[in-house]
Amino acid sequence: MTEPISFQSFDALENFLWHPHAHENFNEKCPLLLVELSGAALVAYDKSLNKNPQGKATSAKLTEQLGSFPAVTVVALGSPEGFDFALSDSTNQLLAAFDILLIDTPGTELPAKQLASPRPKTAWVTTESLQEAIANLTITVKASPQASMSLAQLLRASQALSVRDALMSESWVYSNLQSGAEFARWLQTSSAKPLLASITQSLPAINLASPVLVEEHGDTLRLVLNRPERRNAFNAGMRDALVEALRAARLSPPAGGIVLSGAGKAFCSGGDLDEFGTTPDPVTAHVVRSLRSTAWEIHLLRQHITVKLHGACVGAGIELPSFADRVISTPDAFFWLPEVRLGLVPGAGGTAGIPRRIGRHRTCWMALSNHRIDPPTALEWGLIDAIEEIEAT
């Protein structure tokens, strides 16, 4: 069986997880647990907790079980009409324990305030087709079950960690997956690299300048990713140049702030495919990432940094900006986390920075759905702070 294990109620899921061999019996080829409910069924469950003296205890037990189960867990809420999200703390805590929360809204709009709390611990993703959304998740989880499980577990753990510790945890997971069978299979599959080639393809001109331009404009420091011929694909040279510039700025932050942007047609198309799989071993990869963490340097200067995004913002192209306090996007930008289908997890800080902006659930959705997020959705979620026309660099 290579399809998700589906349940029609929380009780059915609880009975499955209660079994002492549940960890052994679930489907390792497609580690996706799915609870499909209607809005009315969720409300009925919530009300039952108050009527049954053991209800809250049972819900708390299920919440605890979900937090440790090695699978991607999803609630898919269909027919939400009349559902106002006014749920008890016990039910909200249970929902928060899942990895992804989907809600079917064909042709309707639900108020944003109903879809997420102020710090969104239970942030829903709206979709006009639950079946299509579930199918997209299933494709990713079946293609990369180990990376999918690792992502879910990493995001759960990271929400309780400091930014620094979350970055270190991500680095270990990413480095280990680089030596795994799923990433090796992606590297060996000739048809896999075109997944990103349309974005990272070379342009006719060859750029021999610095991979990061450092320019002072009055009291403002401008840092420009400068590999336009590769859509600013993030390689080791760009990483080292950007880290050096940020560390220098940290000694004396400019009064007018720091503006980070990208030259050419895109802000950043993600990691440079030419360097994928070239690290000698996982430990070396982790050490390098620890010593030269661009995400950490941006985090330390976050109050001074404004990031201006345009075009493709893939992988590192949205992971790194998530650490800045101010992120502006053009209307034509898009945001994409494709790493899991490559057998990896986001490795440029995405599992530490993006959840602090949009919550763990929506981050997990971005990484597993293979869905490109547009600027209006990104603004609604808090992934970006404004949509503006930005002058090309």
Protein backbone atom coordinates (compact mmCIF):
# COMPACT_ATOMS: atom_id res chain seq x y z
CA MET A 1 0.00 0.00 0.00
CA THR A 2 1.43 3.38 -1.00
CA GLU A 3 -1.46 5.68 -0.18
CA PRO A 4 -2.10 7.77 2.95
CA ILE A 5 -3.72 6.07 5.93
CA SER A 6 -7.03 7.88 6.19
CA PHE A 7 -9.37 8.26 9.16
CA GLN A 8 -12.86 9.71 9.37
CA SER A 9 -12.65 10.77 13.02
CA PHE A 10 -10.18 11.61 15.77
CA ASP A 11 -11.41 8.54 17.65
CA ALA A 12 -10.37 6.27 14.77
CA LEU A 13 -6.94 7.91 14.68
CA GLU A 14 -6.60 7.57 18.44
CA ASN A 15 -7.40 3.84 18.23
CA PHE A 16 -4.70 3.43 15.59
CA LEU A 17 -2.06 5.35 17.53
CA TRP A 18 -2.98 3.63 20.82
CA HIS A 19 -1.78 0.28 19.49
CA PRO A 20 1.69 -0.46 20.93
CA HIS A 21 3.00 -1.38 17.47
CA ALA A 22 1.55 1.60 15.64
CA HIS A 23 5.03 2.96 14.94
CA GLU A 24 5.90 -0.31 13.24
CA ASN A 25 2.64 -0.85 11.40
CA PHE A 26 2.23 2.46 9.61
CA ASN A 27 3.19 2.72 5.96
CA GLU A 28 6.87 3.70 5.67
CA LYS A 29 6.52 4.06 1.88
CA CYS A 30 3.91 6.77 2.34
CA PRO A 31 4.10 8.00 5.97
CA LEU A 32 1.06 10.25 5.75
CA LEU A 33 -1.78 10.09 8.28
CA LEU A 34 -4.90 11.91 7.16
CA VAL A 35 -8.01 12.80 9.15
CA GLU A 36 -10.87 13.88 6.91
CA LEU A 37 -13.67 15.77 8.69
CA SER A 38 -16.50 18.14 7.97
CA GLY A 39 -16.86 21.38 9.86
CA ALA A 40 -19.92 19.95 11.60
CA ALA A 41 -17.99 16.84 12.67
CA LEU A 42 -15.22 18.95 14.17
CA VAL A 43 -17.72 21.04 16.11
CA ALA A 44 -19.47 17.87 17.31
CA TYR A 45 -16.14 16.47 18.53
CA ASP A 46 -15.40 19.70 20.34
CA LYS A 47 -18.77 19.64 22.10
CA SER A 48 -18.33 16.01 23.07
CA LEU A 49 -15.24 16.90 25.12
CA ASN A 50 -17.40 18.91 27.52
CA LYS A 51 -20.00 16.17 27.84
CA ASN A 52 -17.59 13.30 28.41
CA PRO A 53 -15.57 13.55 31.64
CA GLN A 54 -12.79 11.54 30.01
CA GLY A 55 -12.94 13.51 26.77
CA LYS A 56 -10.31 16.11 27.58
CA ALA A 57 -7.94 13.49 28.92
CA THR A 58 -8.36 11.43 25.75
CA SER A 59 -7.78 14.50 23.60
CA ALA A 60 -4.63 15.36 25.57
CA LYS A 61 -3.34 11.81 25.11
CA LEU A 62 -3.93 11.98 21.36
CA THR A 63 -2.18 15.36 21.24
CA GLU A 64 0.86 13.85 22.94
CA GLN A 65 0.88 10.82 20.63
CA LEU A 66 0.76 13.00 17.53
CA GLY A 67 3.72 15.05 18.69
CA SER A 68 5.99 12.01 18.68
CA PHE A 69 4.62 9.94 15.81
CA PRO A 70 7.09 9.63 12.89
CA ALA A 71 4.72 10.55 10.08
CA VAL A 72 3.28 13.62 8.40
CA THR A 73 -0.14 14.23 9.96
CA VAL A 74 -2.87 16.20 8.22
CA VAL A 75 -6.38 17.37 9.03
CA ALA A 76 -8.51 17.96 5.92
CA LEU A 77 -11.66 19.91 6.76
CA GLY A 78 -14.36 19.79 4.10
CA SER A 79 -17.77 21.49 4.11
CA PRO A 80 -16.78 24.26 6.56
CA GLU A 81 -20.01 26.24 6.10
CA GLY A 82 -21.19 27.66 9.39
CA PHE A 83 -17.95 26.72 11.14
CA ASP A 84 -16.75 29.75 13.11
CA PHE A 85 -13.50 28.31 14.58
CA ALA A 86 -14.70 28.99 18.13
CA LEU A 87 -13.23 25.80 19.55
CA SER A 88 -12.17 24.83 23.05
CA ASP A 89 -8.55 24.97 24.15
CA SER A 90 -8.39 21.16 24.15
CA THR A 91 -9.48 20.91 20.52
CA ASN A 92 -7.19 23.76 19.44
CA GLN A 93 -4.25 22.05 21.14
CA LEU A 94 -5.10 18.83 19.32
CA LEU A 95 -5.26 20.60 15.97
CA ALA A 96 -1.97 22.35 16.70
CA ALA A 97 -0.31 18.94 17.13
CA PHE A 98 -0.94 18.08 13.46
CA ASP A 99 1.60 19.07 10.82
CA ILE A 100 -0.77 20.52 8.21
CA LEU A 101 -4.32 21.89 8.48
CA LEU A 102 -6.27 22.09 5.21
CA ILE A 103 -9.70 23.61 4.78
CA ASP A 104 -11.88 23.37 1.70
CA THR A 105 -13.28 26.73 0.58
CA PRO A 106 -14.56 26.29 -2.99
CA GLY A 107 -15.55 29.70 -4.29
CA THR A 108 -15.68 31.28 -0.83
CA GLU A 109 -13.36 33.33 1.34
CA LEU A 110 -12.98 32.84 5.06
CA PRO A 111 -11.85 35.79 7.19
CA ALA A 112 -8.11 35.68 7.76
CA LYS A 113 -8.59 36.19 11.50
CA GLN A 114 -10.49 32.89 11.61
CA LEU A 115 -7.73 31.00 9.87
CA ALA A 116 -4.90 31.73 12.30
CA SER A 117 -4.34 32.93 15.80
CA PRO A 118 -2.14 36.04 16.33
CA ARG A 119 1.00 33.90 16.52
CA PRO A 120 -0.38 31.28 14.32
CA LYS A 121 -0.17 28.04 16.27
CA THR A 122 -3.09 26.56 14.34
CA ALA A 123 -2.78 28.17 10.92
CA TRP A 124 -5.06 26.71 8.26
CA VAL A 125 -4.33 26.54 4.54
CA THR A 126 -7.32 27.21 2.31
CA THR A 127 -7.76 25.27 -0.90
CA GLU A 128 -10.44 25.08 -3.54
CA SER A 129 -9.88 21.33 -3.90
CA LEU A 130 -9.02 19.17 -0.93
CA GLN A 131 -8.51 16.16 -3.17
CA GLU A 132 -5.96 17.98 -5.31
CA ALA A 133 -4.16 19.30 -2.21
CA ILE A 134 -4.03 15.81 -0.68
CA ALA A 135 -2.83 14.36 -3.98
CA ASN A 136 0.05 16.86 -4.12
CA LEU A 137 1.08 16.02 -0.57
CA THR A 138 0.90 12.32 -1.34
CA ILE A 139 3.17 12.69 -4.39
CA THR A 140 5.86 14.37 -2.29
CA VAL A 141 5.61 12.00 0.67
CA LYS A 142 5.69 8.93 -1.59
CA ALA A 143 8.67 10.28 -3.54
CA SER A 144 10.66 11.24 -0.44
CA PRO A 145 9.20 9.52 2.64
CA GLN A 146 12.35 9.90 4.73
CA ALA A 147 12.78 13.59 3.95
CA SER A 148 9.07 14.19 4.55
CA MET A 149 9.16 12.52 7.96
CA SER A 150 12.36 14.39 8.84
CA LEU A 151 10.76 17.71 7.91
CA ALA A 152 7.69 17.12 10.06
CA GLN A 153 9.76 16.04 13.07
CA LEU A 154 12.21 18.93 12.62
CA LEU A 155 9.44 21.55 12.49
CA ARG A 156 7.77 20.13 15.59
CA ALA A 157 11.01 20.23 17.57
CA SER A 158 12.19 23.62 16.30
CA GLN A 159 9.14 25.52 17.50
CA ALA A 160 10.41 25.18 21.07
CA LEU A 161 14.01 26.13 20.25
CA SER A 162 15.87 29.41 19.97
CA VAL A 163 16.71 30.61 16.47
CA ARG A 164 20.32 29.49 16.88
CA ASP A 165 19.38 26.02 18.12
CA ALA A 166 16.75 25.67 15.40
CA LEU A 167 19.38 26.48 12.76
CA MET A 168 21.75 23.90 14.21
CA SER A 169 19.00 21.25 14.24
CA GLU A 170 18.14 22.02 10.63
CA SER A 171 21.79 21.77 9.65
CA TRP A 172 22.16 18.29 11.16
CA VAL A 173 19.00 17.02 9.48
CA TYR A 174 19.91 18.56 6.11
CA SER A 175 23.48 17.24 6.27
CA ASN A 176 22.36 13.72 7.09
CA LEU A 177 19.80 13.70 4.29
CA GLN A 178 22.55 14.71 1.87
CA SER A 179 24.06 11.28 2.48
CA GLY A 180 20.70 9.51 2.18
CA ALA A 181 19.29 7.32 -0.56
CA GLU A 182 16.58 9.76 -1.60
CA PHE A 183 18.96 12.61 -2.39
CA ALA A 184 21.35 10.19 -4.10
CA ARG A 185 18.50 8.98 -6.27
CA TRP A 186 17.61 12.56 -7.21
CA LEU A 187 21.23 13.27 -8.16
CA GLN A 188 21.30 10.19 -10.38
CA THR A 189 17.98 10.86 -12.10
CA SER A 190 18.66 12.74 -15.31
CA SER A 191 15.07 13.96 -15.48
CA ALA A 192 15.15 15.46 -11.99
CA LYS A 193 17.32 18.53 -12.45
CA PRO A 194 15.02 20.14 -15.05
CA LEU A 195 12.64 20.63 -12.10
CA LEU A 196 14.65 23.75 -11.31
CA ALA A 197 16.56 24.23 -14.56
CA SER A 198 13.95 26.55 -16.03
CA ILE A 199 14.69 28.94 -13.18
CA THR A 200 18.45 28.52 -12.75
CA GLN A 201 19.34 28.23 -16.42
CA SER A 202 22.30 30.29 -17.58
CA LEU A 203 21.78 33.47 -19.54
CA PRO A 204 24.10 34.40 -22.43
CA ALA A 205 26.19 36.86 -20.45
CA ILE A 206 28.85 35.56 -18.05
CA ASN A 207 29.28 37.54 -14.86
CA LEU A 208 32.86 37.79 -13.54
CA ALA A 209 32.13 40.37 -10.85
CA SER A 210 31.80 39.76 -7.14
CA PRO A 211 28.87 37.45 -6.27
CA VAL A 212 27.65 40.14 -3.83
CA LEU A 213 27.92 43.85 -4.56
CA VAL A 214 28.50 46.04 -1.51
CA GLU A 215 27.49 49.64 -2.10
CA GLU A 216 27.16 52.62 0.22
CA HIS A 217 24.43 55.11 -0.68
CA GLY A 218 24.54 57.90 1.87
CA ASP A 219 23.91 56.27 5.23
CA THR A 220 22.37 53.15 3.64
CA LEU A 221 24.29 49.96 2.86
CA ARG A 222 23.10 48.07 -0.20
CA LEU A 223 23.94 44.41 -0.68
CA VAL A 224 23.08 42.99 -4.10
CA LEU A 225 23.17 39.30 -5.00
CA ASN A 226 25.10 39.44 -8.24
CA ARG A 227 24.90 36.25 -10.26
CA PRO A 228 22.18 37.30 -12.69
CA GLU A 229 23.35 34.78 -15.28
CA ARG A 230 22.29 32.05 -12.80
CA ARG A 231 19.21 33.82 -11.45
CA ASN A 232 21.37 34.47 -8.36
CA ALA A 233 21.63 30.78 -7.53
CA PHE A 234 23.12 30.63 -4.05
CA ASN A 235 26.56 29.03 -4.11
CA ALA A 236 29.47 28.89 -1.67
CA GLY A 237 31.06 32.03 -3.10
CA MET A 238 27.87 34.04 -2.70
CA ARG A 239 27.35 32.69 0.81
CA ASP A 240 30.86 33.59 1.92
CA ALA A 241 30.71 37.07 0.38
CA LEU A 242 27.34 37.80 1.97
CA VAL A 243 28.42 36.52 5.38
CA GLU A 244 31.56 38.68 5.22
CA ALA A 245 29.55 41.78 4.30
CA LEU A 246 27.01 41.19 7.06
CA ARG A 247 29.68 40.59 9.69
CA ALA A 248 31.40 43.81 8.70
CA ALA A 249 28.09 45.67 8.94
CA ARG A 250 27.45 44.19 12.37
CA LEU A 251 30.53 46.01 13.72
CA SER A 252 28.89 49.34 12.89
CA PRO A 253 25.32 49.06 11.57
CA PRO A 254 24.59 51.86 9.07
CA ALA A 255 22.22 54.54 10.32
CA GLY A 256 20.06 54.24 7.19
CA GLY A 257 19.83 50.48 7.40
CA ILE A 258 20.77 47.66 5.05
CA VAL A 259 18.91 46.82 1.84
CA LEU A 260 19.37 43.34 0.40
CA SER A 261 18.24 42.76 -3.19
CA GLY A 262 19.10 40.70 -6.28
CA ALA A 263 20.40 41.69 -9.70
CA GLY A 264 18.72 40.56 -12.88
CA LYS A 265 15.45 38.71 -13.36
CA ALA A 266 15.16 37.07 -9.94
CA PHE A 267 16.09 37.68 -6.34
CA CYS A 268 17.44 34.15 -5.83
CA SER A 269 16.62 30.83 -7.49
CA GLY A 270 17.84 28.76 -4.54
CA GLY A 271 20.91 26.62 -4.10
CA ASP A 272 23.19 26.28 -7.12
CA LEU A 273 22.52 22.87 -8.64
CA ASP A 274 26.14 22.59 -9.78
CA GLU A 275 27.21 22.34 -6.13
CA PHE A 276 24.54 19.85 -5.03
CA GLY A 277 26.13 16.67 -3.72
CA THR A 278 29.69 18.03 -3.70
CA THR A 279 30.17 18.17 0.09
CA PRO A 280 32.64 15.43 1.12
CA ASP A 281 30.63 14.18 4.12
CA PRO A 282 27.70 15.20 6.40
CA VAL A 283 29.91 16.31 9.29
CA THR A 284 31.92 18.67 7.08
CA ALA A 285 28.69 20.06 5.64
CA HIS A 286 27.37 20.76 9.13
CA VAL A 287 30.60 22.37 10.30
CA VAL A 288 30.71 24.68 7.28
CA ARG A 289 27.06 25.62 7.75
CA SER A 290 27.69 26.30 11.44
CA LEU A 291 30.67 28.56 10.82
CA ARG A 292 29.18 30.47 7.88
CA SER A 293 25.46 30.75 8.54
CA THR A 294 23.97 33.49 6.41
CA ALA A 295 20.62 33.07 8.14
CA TRP A 296 22.20 33.68 11.54
CA GLU A 297 24.00 36.80 10.33
CA ILE A 298 20.74 38.21 8.93
CA HIS A 299 18.97 37.36 12.18
CA LEU A 300 21.56 39.27 14.21
CA LEU A 301 21.02 42.35 12.02
CA ARG A 302 17.29 41.78 11.44
CA GLN A 303 16.17 45.18 12.78
CA HIS A 304 18.43 46.94 10.28
CA ILE A 305 17.64 44.85 7.18
CA THR A 306 15.04 45.36 4.47
CA VAL A 307 14.91 42.66 1.79
CA LYS A 308 13.49 43.46 -1.64
CA LEU A 309 12.24 40.42 -3.53
CA HIS A 310 11.34 39.97 -7.18
CA GLY A 311 10.91 37.13 -9.63
CA ALA A 312 11.85 33.67 -8.43
CA CYS A 313 12.38 33.37 -4.67
CA VAL A 314 13.14 29.68 -4.35
CA GLY A 315 14.65 27.81 -1.40
CA ALA A 316 17.28 30.14 0.04
CA GLY A 317 15.58 32.93 -1.91
CA ILE A 318 12.76 33.01 0.65
CA GLU A 319 14.41 31.20 3.57
CA LEU A 320 17.06 33.89 4.14
CA PRO A 321 14.66 36.87 3.81
CA SER A 322 12.41 35.35 6.46
CA PHE A 323 14.94 36.37 9.13
CA ALA A 324 14.73 40.08 8.30
CA ASP A 325 12.23 42.36 10.01
CA ARG A 326 11.09 43.95 6.73
CA VAL A 327 10.47 42.02 3.50
CA ILE A 328 9.04 43.72 0.40
CA SER A 329 7.99 41.87 -2.76
CA THR A 330 7.08 42.88 -6.28
CA PRO A 331 3.72 41.68 -7.62
CA ASP A 332 5.47 39.27 -10.02
CA ALA A 333 7.42 37.32 -7.39
CA PHE A 334 6.72 33.76 -6.30
CA PHE A 335 7.91 31.71 -3.33
CA TRP A 336 8.72 28.01 -3.49
CA LEU A 337 10.33 25.38 -1.24
CA PRO A 338 11.12 22.37 -3.50
CA GLU A 339 13.78 20.68 -1.37
CA VAL A 340 11.77 17.74 -0.02
CA ARG A 341 11.15 16.35 -3.50
CA LEU A 342 14.93 16.34 -3.89
CA GLY A 343 15.24 14.18 -0.77
CA LEU A 344 16.22 17.09 1.49
CA VAL A 345 14.62 19.65 3.80
CA PRO A 346 15.02 23.42 3.48
CA GLY A 347 18.66 23.98 4.40
CA ALA A 348 19.22 27.74 4.33
CA GLY A 349 17.37 28.37 7.59
CA GLY A 350 13.83 27.89 6.30
CA THR A 351 12.67 25.60 9.10
CA ALA A 352 13.88 28.16 11.67
CA GLY A 353 12.87 31.45 10.02
CA ILE A 354 9.73 30.80 7.98
CA PRO A 355 7.71 29.24 10.85
CA ARG A 356 8.37 32.36 12.92
CA ARG A 357 6.58 34.31 10.22
CA ILE A 358 3.77 32.01 9.07
CA GLY A 359 3.64 29.18 11.60
CA ARG A 360 4.77 25.57 11.49
CA HIS A 361 1.69 24.25 9.67
CA ARG A 362 1.90 26.55 6.67
CA THR A 363 5.66 26.06 6.47
CA CYS A 364 5.14 22.31 6.30
CA TRP A 365 2.53 22.83 3.59
CA MET A 366 4.90 25.00 1.53
CA ALA A 367 7.63 22.38 1.72
CA LEU A 368 5.47 19.31 1.00
CA SER A 369 2.87 20.59 -1.44
CA ASN A 370 5.31 21.75 -4.15
CA HIS A 371 2.98 24.75 -4.36
CA ARG A 372 4.27 28.17 -5.38
CA ILE A 373 3.00 30.91 -3.07
CA ASP A 374 2.00 34.17 -4.72
CA PRO A 375 2.55 37.62 -3.15
CA PRO A 376 -1.08 38.19 -2.00
CA THR A 377 -1.06 34.86 -0.14
CA ALA A 378 2.41 35.55 1.23
CA LEU A 379 1.24 38.93 2.49
CA GLU A 380 -1.87 37.47 4.12
CA TRP A 381 0.21 34.82 5.86
CA GLY A 382 2.97 37.23 6.96
CA LEU A 383 5.71 35.72 4.83
CA ILE A 384 6.25 39.19 3.36
CA ASP A 385 5.34 42.61 4.76
CA ALA A 386 4.39 44.59 1.65
CA ILE A 387 3.85 44.32 -2.11
CA GLU A 388 5.42 47.16 -4.06
CA GLU A 389 6.90 47.87 -7.45
CA ILE A 390 10.66 47.74 -7.00
CA GLU A 391 13.15 49.31 -9.36
CA ALA A 392 15.27 46.66 -11.09
CA THR A 393 18.86 46.38 -9.87
